[in-house]
């Protein structure tokens, strides 16, 4: 395998790992605030790494430019959407989870 192919595999595996971390965070964490945080951070990084792998694999000028545009779009919109969800939860009066003695998430 060439070094480019190794880079593609590494980026794709890292993207899949962070996507899996986001999925575990959505299932495991206790409230909407921590879940949206896990989803926005890990999922954004996972998607960016996976799209970077696709851009590297395509090696075409127009396809790579579209992939870079998609990377920038996701880098801006994913955290913004998570912020909007957290703000809506706060406006609805949903209290953040606080760790109390003997309380497990």
PDB file of N, CA and C in Angstrom:
ATOM      1  N   UNK A   1       0.840  -1.183   0.000  1.00  0.00           N
ATOM      2  CA  UNK A   1       0.000   0.000   0.000  1.00  0.00           C
ATOM      3  C   UNK A   1       0.881   1.242   0.000  1.00  0.00           C
ATOM      4  N   UNK A   2       0.404   2.237  -0.690  1.00  0.00           N
ATOM      5  CA  UNK A   2       1.136   3.496  -0.758  1.00  0.00           C
ATOM      6  C   UNK A   2       0.877   4.315   0.508  1.00  0.00           C
ATOM      7  N   UNK A   3       1.718   5.318   0.766  1.00  0.00           N
ATOM      8  CA  UNK A   3       1.482   6.178   1.934  1.00  0.00           C
ATOM      9  C   UNK A   3       0.133   6.909   1.871  1.00  0.00           C
ATOM     10  N   UNK A   4      -0.315   7.245   0.680  1.00  0.00           N
ATOM     11  CA  UNK A   4      -1.623   7.891   0.545  1.00  0.00           C
ATOM     12  C   UNK A   4      -2.736   6.949   0.980  1.00  0.00           C
ATOM     13  N   UNK A   5      -2.638   5.693   0.585  1.00  0.00           N
ATOM     14  CA  UNK A   5      -3.651   4.716   0.988  1.00  0.00           C
ATOM     15  C   UNK A   5      -3.632   4.488   2.495  1.00  0.00           C
ATOM     16  N   UNK A   6      -2.449   4.499   3.104  1.00  0.00           N
ATOM     17  CA  UNK A   6      -2.362   4.379   4.559  1.00  0.00           C
ATOM     18  C   UNK A   6      -3.032   5.575   5.230  1.00  0.00           C
ATOM     19  N   UNK A   7      -2.833   6.751   4.666  1.00  0.00           N
ATOM     20  CA  UNK A   7      -3.478   7.946   5.211  1.00  0.00           C
ATOM     21  C   UNK A   7      -4.991   7.879   5.109  1.00  0.00           C
ATOM     22  N   UNK A   8      -5.477   7.375   3.973  1.00  0.00           N
ATOM     23  CA  UNK A   8      -6.928   7.232   3.787  1.00  0.00           C
ATOM     24  C   UNK A   8      -7.503   6.269   4.824  1.00  0.00           C
ATOM     25  N   UNK A   9      -6.837   5.141   5.004  1.00  0.00           N
ATOM     26  CA  UNK A   9      -7.308   4.145   5.976  1.00  0.00           C
ATOM     27  C   UNK A   9      -7.266   4.718   7.392  1.00  0.00           C
ATOM     28  N   UNK A  10      -6.187   5.423   7.728  1.00  0.00           N
ATOM     29  CA  UNK A  10      -6.064   5.994   9.074  1.00  0.00           C
ATOM     30  C   UNK A  10      -7.154   7.028   9.334  1.00  0.00           C
ATOM     31  N   UNK A  11      -7.410   7.897   8.361  1.00  0.00           N
ATOM     32  CA  UNK A  11      -8.461   8.907   8.531  1.00  0.00           C
ATOM     33  C   UNK A  11      -9.838   8.265   8.643  1.00  0.00           C
ATOM     34  N   UNK A  12     -10.096   7.262   7.816  1.00  0.00           N
ATOM     35  CA  UNK A  12     -11.403   6.601   7.857  1.00  0.00           C
ATOM     36  C   UNK A  12     -11.611   5.867   9.182  1.00  0.00           C
ATOM     37  N   UNK A  13     -10.583   5.181   9.662  1.00  0.00           N
ATOM     38  CA  UNK A  13     -10.704   4.480  10.945  1.00  0.00           C
ATOM     39  C   UNK A  13     -10.865   5.456  12.105  1.00  0.00           C
ATOM     40  N   UNK A  14     -10.136   6.558  12.066  1.00  0.00           N
ATOM     41  CA  UNK A  14     -10.279   7.562  13.121  1.00  0.00           C
ATOM     42  C   UNK A  14     -11.680   8.174  13.090  1.00  0.00           C
ATOM     43  N   UNK A  15     -12.202   8.421  11.892  1.00  0.00           N
ATOM     44  CA  UNK A  15     -13.563   8.937  11.773  1.00  0.00           C
ATOM     45  C   UNK A  15     -14.592   7.967  12.310  1.00  0.00           C
ATOM     46  N   UNK A  16     -14.409   6.683  12.021  1.00  0.00           N
ATOM     47  CA  UNK A  16     -15.327   5.669  12.543  1.00  0.00           C
ATOM     48  C   UNK A  16     -15.226   5.571  14.063  1.00  0.00           C
ATOM     49  N   UNK A  17     -14.019   5.689  14.591  1.00  0.00           N
ATOM     50  CA  UNK A  17     -13.840   5.646  16.047  1.00  0.00           C
ATOM     51  C   UNK A  17     -14.591   6.785  16.730  1.00  0.00           C
ATOM     52  N   UNK A  18     -14.418   7.999  16.231  1.00  0.00           N
ATOM     53  CA  UNK A  18     -15.083   9.133  16.862  1.00  0.00           C
ATOM     54  C   UNK A  18     -16.594   9.099  16.649  1.00  0.00           C
ATOM     55  N   UNK A  19     -17.040   8.546  15.546  1.00  0.00           N
ATOM     56  CA  UNK A  19     -18.476   8.337  15.366  1.00  0.00           C
ATOM     57  C   UNK A  19     -19.025   7.350  16.382  1.00  0.00           C
ATOM     58  N   UNK A  20     -18.262   6.302  16.661  1.00  0.00           N
ATOM     59  CA  UNK A  20     -18.663   5.339  17.686  1.00  0.00           C
ATOM     60  C   UNK A  20     -18.667   5.944  19.077  1.00  0.00           C
ATOM     61  N   UNK A  21     -17.682   6.791  19.365  1.00  0.00           N
ATOM     62  CA  UNK A  21     -17.648   7.478  20.657  1.00  0.00           C
ATOM     63  C   UNK A  21     -18.876   8.366  20.815  1.00  0.00           C
ATOM     64  N   UNK A  22     -19.277   9.042  19.743  1.00  0.00           N
ATOM     65  CA  UNK A  22     -20.478   9.886  19.802  1.00  0.00           C
ATOM     66  C   UNK A  22     -21.721   9.045  20.062  1.00  0.00           C
ATOM     67  N   UNK A  23     -21.803   7.887  19.438  1.00  0.00           N
ATOM     68  CA  UNK A  23     -22.963   7.014  19.648  1.00  0.00           C
ATOM     69  C   UNK A  23     -23.021   6.510  21.084  1.00  0.00           C
ATOM     70  N   UNK A  24     -21.884   6.126  21.630  1.00  0.00           N
ATOM     71  CA  UNK A  24     -21.848   5.680  23.026  1.00  0.00           C
ATOM     72  C   UNK A  24     -22.225   6.830  23.957  1.00  0.00           C
ATOM     73  N   UNK A  25     -21.757   8.026  23.651  1.00  0.00           N
ATOM     74  CA  UNK A  25     -22.100   9.187  24.463  1.00  0.00           C
ATOM     75  C   UNK A  25     -23.585   9.481  24.457  1.00  0.00           C
ATOM     76  N   UNK A  26     -24.227   9.314  23.314  1.00  0.00           N
ATOM     77  CA  UNK A  26     -25.670   9.552  23.242  1.00  0.00           C
ATOM     78  C   UNK A  26     -26.448   8.551  24.080  1.00  0.00           C
ATOM     79  N   UNK A  27     -25.970   7.331  24.146  1.00  0.00           N
ATOM     80  CA  UNK A  27     -26.668   6.298  24.909  1.00  0.00           C
ATOM     81  C   UNK A  27     -26.339   6.394  26.400  1.00  0.00           C
ATOM     82  N   UNK A  28     -25.110   6.685  26.717  1.00  0.00           N
ATOM     83  CA  UNK A  28     -24.634   6.580  28.101  1.00  0.00           C
ATOM     84  C   UNK A  28     -24.851   7.832  28.946  1.00  0.00           C
ATOM     85  N   UNK A  29     -24.784   9.006  28.370  1.00  0.00           N
ATOM     86  CA  UNK A  29     -24.829  10.234  29.162  1.00  0.00           C
ATOM     87  C   UNK A  29     -26.242  10.555  29.643  1.00  0.00           C
ATOM     88  N   UNK A  30     -26.355  11.265  30.778  1.00  0.00           N
ATOM     89  CA  UNK A  30     -27.639  11.346  31.473  1.00  0.00           C
ATOM     90  C   UNK A  30     -28.646  12.385  30.984  1.00  0.00           C
ATOM     91  N   UNK A  31     -28.220  13.495  30.424  1.00  0.00           N
ATOM     92  CA  UNK A  31     -29.206  14.524  30.085  1.00  0.00           C
ATOM     93  C   UNK A  31     -28.936  15.122  28.710  1.00  0.00           C
ATOM     94  N   UNK A  32     -29.840  15.996  28.294  1.00  0.00           N
ATOM     95  CA  UNK A  32     -29.783  16.553  26.945  1.00  0.00           C
ATOM     96  C   UNK A  32     -28.535  17.405  26.739  1.00  0.00           C
ATOM     97  N   UNK A  33     -28.066  18.062  27.772  1.00  0.00           N
ATOM     98  CA  UNK A  33     -26.904  18.940  27.629  1.00  0.00           C
ATOM     99  C   UNK A  33     -25.622  18.142  27.386  1.00  0.00           C
ATOM    100  N   UNK A  34     -25.408  17.113  28.164  1.00  0.00           N
ATOM    101  CA  UNK A  34     -24.203  16.307  27.969  1.00  0.00           C
ATOM    102  C   UNK A  34     -24.294  15.479  26.695  1.00  0.00           C
ATOM    103  N   UNK A  35     -25.483  15.050  26.348  1.00  0.00           N
ATOM    104  CA  UNK A  35     -25.647  14.292  25.104  1.00  0.00           C
ATOM    105  C   UNK A  35     -25.381  15.167  23.882  1.00  0.00           C
ATOM    106  N   UNK A  36     -25.897  16.386  23.898  1.00  0.00           N
ATOM    107  CA  UNK A  36     -25.663  17.261  22.746  1.00  0.00           C
ATOM    108  C   UNK A  36     -24.190  17.639  22.649  1.00  0.00           C
ATOM    109  N   UNK A  37     -23.523  17.767  23.791  1.00  0.00           N
ATOM    110  CA  UNK A  37     -22.094  18.057  23.774  1.00  0.00           C
ATOM    111  C   UNK A  37     -21.314  16.897  23.156  1.00  0.00           C
ATOM    112  N   UNK A  38     -21.630  15.678  23.588  1.00  0.00           N
ATOM    113  CA  UNK A  38     -20.936  14.507  23.046  1.00  0.00           C
ATOM    114  C   UNK A  38     -21.200  14.356  21.553  1.00  0.00           C
ATOM    115  N   UNK A  39     -22.438  14.580  21.167  1.00  0.00           N
ATOM    116  CA  UNK A  39     -22.782  14.427  19.755  1.00  0.00           C
ATOM    117  C   UNK A  39     -22.110  15.491  18.901  1.00  0.00           C
ATOM    118  N   UNK A  40     -22.089  16.719  19.382  1.00  0.00           N
ATOM    119  CA  UNK A  40     -21.536  17.781  18.544  1.00  0.00           C
ATOM    120  C   UNK A  40     -20.025  17.679  18.414  1.00  0.00           C
ATOM    121  N   UNK A  41     -19.332  17.380  19.487  1.00  0.00           N
ATOM    122  CA  UNK A  41     -17.872  17.346  19.424  1.00  0.00           C
ATOM    123  C   UNK A  41     -17.360  16.089  18.719  1.00  0.00           C
ATOM    124  N   UNK A  42     -17.758  14.936  19.212  1.00  0.00           N
ATOM    125  CA  UNK A  42     -17.227  13.686  18.659  1.00  0.00           C
ATOM    126  C   UNK A  42     -17.730  13.422  17.250  1.00  0.00           C
ATOM    127  N   UNK A  43     -19.010  13.672  17.031  1.00  0.00           N
ATOM    128  CA  UNK A  43     -19.579  13.410  15.713  1.00  0.00           C
ATOM    129  C   UNK A  43     -19.003  14.352  14.663  1.00  0.00           C
ATOM    130  N   UNK A  44     -18.795  15.601  15.030  1.00  0.00           N
ATOM    131  CA  UNK A  44     -18.200  16.550  14.091  1.00  0.00           C
ATOM    132  C   UNK A  44     -16.792  16.115  13.707  1.00  0.00           C
ATOM    133  N   UNK A  45     -16.002  15.748  14.690  1.00  0.00           N
ATOM    134  CA  UNK A  45     -14.639  15.306  14.395  1.00  0.00           C
ATOM    135  C   UNK A  45     -14.640  14.033  13.558  1.00  0.00           C
ATOM    136  N   UNK A  46     -15.519  13.089  13.890  1.00  0.00           N
ATOM    137  CA  UNK A  46     -15.597  11.850  13.122  1.00  0.00           C
ATOM    138  C   UNK A  46     -15.998  12.085  11.679  1.00  0.00           C
ATOM    139  N   UNK A  47     -16.987  12.941  11.477  1.00  0.00           N
ATOM    140  CA  UNK A  47     -17.432  13.231  10.116  1.00  0.00           C
ATOM    141  C   UNK A  47     -16.355  13.966   9.328  1.00  0.00           C
ATOM    142  N   UNK A  48     -15.676  14.894   9.975  1.00  0.00           N
ATOM    143  CA  UNK A  48     -14.617  15.636   9.292  1.00  0.00           C
ATOM    144  C   UNK A  48     -13.485  14.699   8.879  1.00  0.00           C
ATOM    145  N   UNK A  49     -13.105  13.785   9.750  1.00  0.00           N
ATOM    146  CA  UNK A  49     -12.040  12.839   9.399  1.00  0.00           C
ATOM    147  C   UNK A  49     -12.470  11.909   8.268  1.00  0.00           C
ATOM    148  N   UNK A  50     -13.717  11.451   8.296  1.00  0.00           N
ATOM    149  CA  UNK A  50     -14.202  10.562   7.238  1.00  0.00           C
ATOM    150  C   UNK A  50     -14.282  11.293   5.896  1.00  0.00           C
ATOM    151  N   UNK A  51     -14.736  12.529   5.904  1.00  0.00           N
ATOM    152  CA  UNK A  51     -14.811  13.295   4.656  1.00  0.00           C
ATOM    153  C   UNK A  51     -13.409  13.636   4.159  1.00  0.00           C
ATOM    154  N   UNK A  52     -12.481  13.884   5.072  1.00  0.00           N
ATOM    155  CA  UNK A  52     -11.095  14.112   4.656  1.00  0.00           C
ATOM    156  C   UNK A  52     -10.522  12.864   3.994  1.00  0.00           C
ATOM    157  N   UNK A  53     -10.876  11.689   4.505  1.00  0.00           N
ATOM    158  CA  UNK A  53     -10.435  10.442   3.871  1.00  0.00           C
ATOM    159  C   UNK A  53     -11.020  10.318   2.473  1.00  0.00           C
ATOM    160  N   UNK A  54     -12.285  10.679   2.322  1.00  0.00           N
ATOM    161  CA  UNK A  54     -12.910  10.623   0.997  1.00  0.00           C
ATOM    162  C   UNK A  54     -12.258  11.616   0.045  1.00  0.00           C
ATOM    163  N   UNK A  55     -11.960  12.810   0.528  1.00  0.00           N
ATOM    164  CA  UNK A  55     -11.309  13.814  -0.320  1.00  0.00           C
ATOM    165  C   UNK A  55      -9.931  13.346  -0.757  1.00  0.00           C
ATOM    166  N   UNK A  56      -9.224  12.704   0.152  1.00  0.00           N
ATOM    167  CA  UNK A  56      -7.897  12.189  -0.185  1.00  0.00           C
ATOM    168  C   UNK A  56      -7.992  11.030  -1.173  1.00  0.00           C
ATOM    169  N   UNK A  57      -9.035  10.219  -1.048  1.00  0.00           N
ATOM    170  CA  UNK A  57      -9.205   9.076  -1.945  1.00  0.00           C
ATOM    171  C   UNK A  57      -9.629   9.515  -3.343  1.00  0.00           C
ATOM    172  N   UNK A  58     -10.441  10.564  -3.430  1.00  0.00           N
ATOM    173  CA  UNK A  58     -10.944  10.995  -4.737  1.00  0.00           C
ATOM    174  C   UNK A  58      -9.851  11.601  -5.603  1.00  0.00           C
ATOM    175  N   UNK A  59      -8.997  12.405  -5.038  1.00  0.00           N
ATOM    176  CA  UNK A  59      -7.868  13.030  -5.725  1.00  0.00           C
ATOM    177  C   UNK A  59      -8.248  13.694  -7.043  1.00  0.00           C
ATOM    178  N   UNK A  60      -9.438  14.257  -7.067  1.00  0.00           N
ATOM    179  CA  UNK A  60      -9.886  15.012  -8.227  1.00  0.00           C
ATOM    180  C   UNK A  60     -10.087  16.450  -7.781  1.00  0.00           C
ATOM    181  N   UNK A  61      -9.747  17.390  -8.612  1.00  0.00           N
ATOM    182  CA  UNK A  61      -9.827  18.792  -8.226  1.00  0.00           C
ATOM    183  C   UNK A  61     -11.202  19.231  -7.766  1.00  0.00           C
ATOM    184  N   UNK A  62     -12.230  18.959  -8.570  1.00  0.00           N
ATOM    185  CA  UNK A  62     -13.581  19.386  -8.230  1.00  0.00           C
ATOM    186  C   UNK A  62     -14.135  18.596  -7.048  1.00  0.00           C
ATOM    187  N   UNK A  63     -13.902  17.303  -7.022  1.00  0.00           N
ATOM    188  CA  UNK A  63     -14.394  16.475  -5.915  1.00  0.00           C
ATOM    189  C   UNK A  63     -13.732  16.858  -4.598  1.00  0.00           C
ATOM    190  N   UNK A  64     -12.452  17.140  -4.636  1.00  0.00           N
ATOM    191  CA  UNK A  64     -11.753  17.559  -3.425  1.00  0.00           C
ATOM    192  C   UNK A  64     -12.253  18.916  -2.959  1.00  0.00           C
ATOM    193  N   UNK A  65     -12.498  19.825  -3.885  1.00  0.00           N
ATOM    194  CA  UNK A  65     -13.025  21.141  -3.518  1.00  0.00           C
ATOM    195  C   UNK A  65     -14.406  21.018  -2.881  1.00  0.00           C
ATOM    196  N   UNK A  66     -15.242  20.152  -3.425  1.00  0.00           N
ATOM    197  CA  UNK A  66     -16.563  19.927  -2.828  1.00  0.00           C
ATOM    198  C   UNK A  66     -16.436  19.328  -1.434  1.00  0.00           C
ATOM    199  N   UNK A  67     -15.499  18.416  -1.265  1.00  0.00           N
ATOM    200  CA  UNK A  67     -15.292  17.808   0.050  1.00  0.00           C
ATOM    201  C   UNK A  67     -14.805  18.836   1.071  1.00  0.00           C
ATOM    202  N   UNK A  68     -13.917  19.711   0.657  1.00  0.00           N
ATOM    203  CA  UNK A  68     -13.434  20.763   1.555  1.00  0.00           C
ATOM    204  C   UNK A  68     -14.571  21.710   1.921  1.00  0.00           C
ATOM    205  N   UNK A  69     -15.418  22.050   0.958  1.00  0.00           N
ATOM    206  CA  UNK A  69     -16.578  22.894   1.253  1.00  0.00           C
ATOM    207  C   UNK A  69     -17.506  22.201   2.247  1.00  0.00           C
ATOM    208  N   UNK A  70     -17.715  20.912   2.069  1.00  0.00           N
ATOM    209  CA  UNK A  70     -18.551  20.147   2.994  1.00  0.00           C
ATOM    210  C   UNK A  70     -17.919  20.093   4.385  1.00  0.00           C
ATOM    211  N   UNK A  71     -16.601  19.962   4.459  1.00  0.00           N
ATOM    212  CA  UNK A  71     -15.907  19.987   5.746  1.00  0.00           C
ATOM    213  C   UNK A  71     -16.152  21.304   6.478  1.00  0.00           C
ATOM    214  N   UNK A  72     -15.997  22.408   5.771  1.00  0.00           N
ATOM    215  CA  UNK A  72     -16.217  23.718   6.385  1.00  0.00           C
ATOM    216  C   UNK A  72     -17.663  23.891   6.823  1.00  0.00           C
ATOM    217  N   UNK A  73     -18.586  23.436   5.994  1.00  0.00           N
ATOM    218  CA  UNK A  73     -20.007  23.540   6.318  1.00  0.00           C
ATOM    219  C   UNK A  73     -20.335  22.748   7.581  1.00  0.00           C
ATOM    220  N   UNK A  74     -19.832  21.533   7.680  1.00  0.00           N
ATOM    221  CA  UNK A  74     -20.095  20.708   8.862  1.00  0.00           C
ATOM    222  C   UNK A  74     -19.401  21.263  10.093  1.00  0.00           C
ATOM    223  N   UNK A  75     -18.220  21.830   9.919  1.00  0.00           N
ATOM    224  CA  UNK A  75     -17.485  22.404  11.040  1.00  0.00           C
ATOM    225  C   UNK A  75     -18.248  23.568  11.661  1.00  0.00           C
ATOM    226  N   UNK A  76     -19.028  24.268  10.861  1.00  0.00           N
ATOM    227  CA  UNK A  76     -19.808  25.401  11.359  1.00  0.00           C
ATOM    228  C   UNK A  76     -21.186  24.962  11.843  1.00  0.00           C
ATOM    229  N   UNK A  77     -21.876  24.115  11.084  1.00  0.00           N
ATOM    230  CA  UNK A  77     -23.277  23.822  11.393  1.00  0.00           C
ATOM    231  C   UNK A  77     -23.479  22.824  12.527  1.00  0.00           C
ATOM    232  N   UNK A  78     -22.630  21.828  12.686  1.00  0.00           N
ATOM    233  CA  UNK A  78     -22.842  20.838  13.750  1.00  0.00           C
ATOM    234  C   UNK A  78     -22.799  21.456  15.147  1.00  0.00           C
ATOM    235  N   UNK A  79     -21.778  22.228  15.502  1.00  0.00           N
ATOM    236  CA  UNK A  79     -21.797  22.854  16.830  1.00  0.00           C
ATOM    237  C   UNK A  79     -22.922  23.880  16.984  1.00  0.00           C
ATOM    238  N   UNK A  80     -23.270  24.559  15.903  1.00  0.00           N
ATOM    239  CA  UNK A  80     -24.369  25.526  15.967  1.00  0.00           C
ATOM    240  C   UNK A  80     -25.689  24.828  16.247  1.00  0.00           C
ATOM    241  N   UNK A  81     -25.918  23.696  15.624  1.00  0.00           N
ATOM    242  CA  UNK A  81     -27.147  22.938  15.870  1.00  0.00           C
ATOM    243  C   UNK A  81     -27.187  22.409  17.300  1.00  0.00           C
ATOM    244  N   UNK A  82     -26.062  21.940  17.814  1.00  0.00           N
ATOM    245  CA  UNK A  82     -26.023  21.460  19.201  1.00  0.00           C
ATOM    246  C   UNK A  82     -26.298  22.602  20.172  1.00  0.00           C
ATOM    247  N   UNK A  83     -25.796  23.780  19.861  1.00  0.00           N
ATOM    248  CA  UNK A  83     -26.070  24.942  20.705  1.00  0.00           C
ATOM    249  C   UNK A  83     -27.554  25.290  20.671  1.00  0.00           C
ATOM    250  N   UNK A  84     -28.162  25.196  19.510  1.00  0.00           N
ATOM    251  CA  UNK A  84     -29.597  25.483  19.397  1.00  0.00           C
ATOM    252  C   UNK A  84     -30.429  24.478  20.189  1.00  0.00           C
ATOM    253  N   UNK A  85     -30.041  23.217  20.168  1.00  0.00           N
ATOM    254  CA  UNK A  85     -30.754  22.195  20.946  1.00  0.00           C
ATOM    255  C   UNK A  85     -30.611  22.476  22.441  1.00  0.00           C
ATOM    256  N   UNK A  86     -29.405  22.803  22.883  1.00  0.00           N
ATOM    257  CA  UNK A  86     -29.195  23.101  24.303  1.00  0.00           C
ATOM    258  C   UNK A  86     -29.954  24.354  24.716  1.00  0.00           C
ATOM    259  N   UNK A  87     -29.986  25.356  23.859  1.00  0.00           N
ATOM    260  CA  UNK A  87     -30.733  26.579  24.173  1.00  0.00           C
ATOM    261  C   UNK A  87     -32.222  26.294  24.256  1.00  0.00           C
ATOM    262  N   UNK A  88     -32.737  25.466  23.359  1.00  0.00           N
ATOM    263  CA  UNK A  88     -34.158  25.106  23.402  1.00  0.00           C
ATOM    264  C   UNK A  88     -34.481  24.329  24.673  1.00  0.00           C
ATOM    265  N   UNK A  89     -33.578  23.445  25.084  1.00  0.00           N
ATOM    266  CA  UNK A  89     -33.796  22.700  26.330  1.00  0.00           C
ATOM    267  C   UNK A  89     -33.802  23.647  27.525  1.00  0.00           C
ATOM    268  N   UNK A  90     -32.919  24.615  27.514  1.00  0.00           N
ATOM    269  CA  UNK A  90     -32.879  25.591  28.598  1.00  0.00           C
ATOM    270  C   UNK A  90     -34.143  26.445  28.606  1.00  0.00           C
ATOM    271  N   UNK A  91     -34.613  26.845  27.450  1.00  0.00           N
ATOM    272  CA  UNK A  91     -35.841  27.634  27.361  1.00  0.00           C
ATOM    273  C   UNK A  91     -37.057  26.852  27.843  1.00  0.00           C
ATOM    274  N   UNK A  92     -37.020  25.531  27.694  1.00  0.00           N
ATOM    275  CA  UNK A  92     -38.119  24.691  28.165  1.00  0.00           C
ATOM    276  C   UNK A  92     -38.027  24.398  29.662  1.00  0.00           C
ATOM    277  N   UNK A  93     -36.951  24.844  30.293  1.00  0.00           N
ATOM    278  CA  UNK A  93     -36.803  24.662  31.730  1.00  0.00           C
ATOM    279  C   UNK A  93     -36.221  23.328  32.143  1.00  0.00           C
ATOM    280  N   UNK A  94     -35.568  22.636  31.231  1.00  0.00           N
ATOM    281  CA  UNK A  94     -34.949  21.351  31.562  1.00  0.00           C
ATOM    282  C   UNK A  94     -33.688  21.621  32.381  1.00  0.00           C
ATOM    283  N   UNK A  95     -33.644  21.028  33.555  1.00  0.00           N
ATOM    284  CA  UNK A  95     -32.517  21.233  34.464  1.00  0.00           C
ATOM    285  C   UNK A  95     -31.353  20.324  34.080  1.00  0.00           C
ATOM    286  N   UNK A  96     -30.127  20.824  34.168  1.00  0.00           N
ATOM    287  CA  UNK A  96     -28.967  19.959  33.930  1.00  0.00           C
ATOM    288  C   UNK A  96     -28.839  18.911  35.024  1.00  0.00           C
ATOM    289  N   UNK A  97     -28.306  17.761  34.656  1.00  0.00           N
ATOM    290  CA  UNK A  97     -28.081  16.683  35.610  1.00  0.00           C
ATOM    291  C   UNK A  97     -26.926  17.073  36.514  1.00  0.00           C
ATOM    292  N   UNK A  98     -27.094  16.877  37.804  1.00  0.00           N
ATOM    293  CA  UNK A  98     -26.017  17.125  38.757  1.00  0.00           C
ATOM    294  C   UNK A  98     -25.750  15.832  39.512  1.00  0.00           C
ATOM    295  N   UNK A  99     -24.492  15.540  39.706  1.00  0.00           N
ATOM    296  CA  UNK A  99     -24.112  14.305  40.396  1.00  0.00           C
ATOM    297  C   UNK A  99     -24.380  14.458  41.884  1.00  0.00           C
ATOM    298  N   UNK A 100     -25.206  13.582  42.399  1.00  0.00           N
ATOM    299  CA  UNK A 100     -25.459  13.546  43.833  1.00  0.00           C
ATOM    300  C   UNK A 100     -24.947  12.218  44.362  1.00  0.00           C
ATOM    301  N   UNK A 101     -24.732  12.158  45.641  1.00  0.00           N
ATOM    302  CA  UNK A 101     -24.162  10.956  46.237  1.00  0.00           C
ATOM    303  C   UNK A 101     -25.057   9.747  45.980  1.00  0.00           C
ATOM    304  N   UNK A 102     -24.467   8.691  45.473  1.00  0.00           N
ATOM    305  CA  UNK A 102     -25.218   7.478  45.174  1.00  0.00           C
ATOM    306  C   UNK A 102     -25.986   7.544  43.865  1.00  0.00           C
ATOM    307  N   UNK A 103     -25.878   8.647  43.157  1.00  0.00           N
ATOM    308  CA  UNK A 103     -26.600   8.828  41.901  1.00  0.00           C
ATOM    309  C   UNK A 103     -25.679   8.472  40.749  1.00  0.00           C
ATOM    310  N   UNK A 104     -26.135   7.596  39.883  1.00  0.00           N
ATOM    311  CA  UNK A 104     -25.329   7.171  38.753  1.00  0.00           C
ATOM    312  C   UNK A 104     -26.055   7.552  37.475  1.00  0.00           C
ATOM    313  N   UNK A 105     -25.330   8.028  36.468  1.00  0.00           N
ATOM    314  CA  UNK A 105     -26.014   8.444  35.225  1.00  0.00           C
ATOM    315  C   UNK A 105     -26.688   7.308  34.501  1.00  0.00           C
TER     316      UNK A 105
END
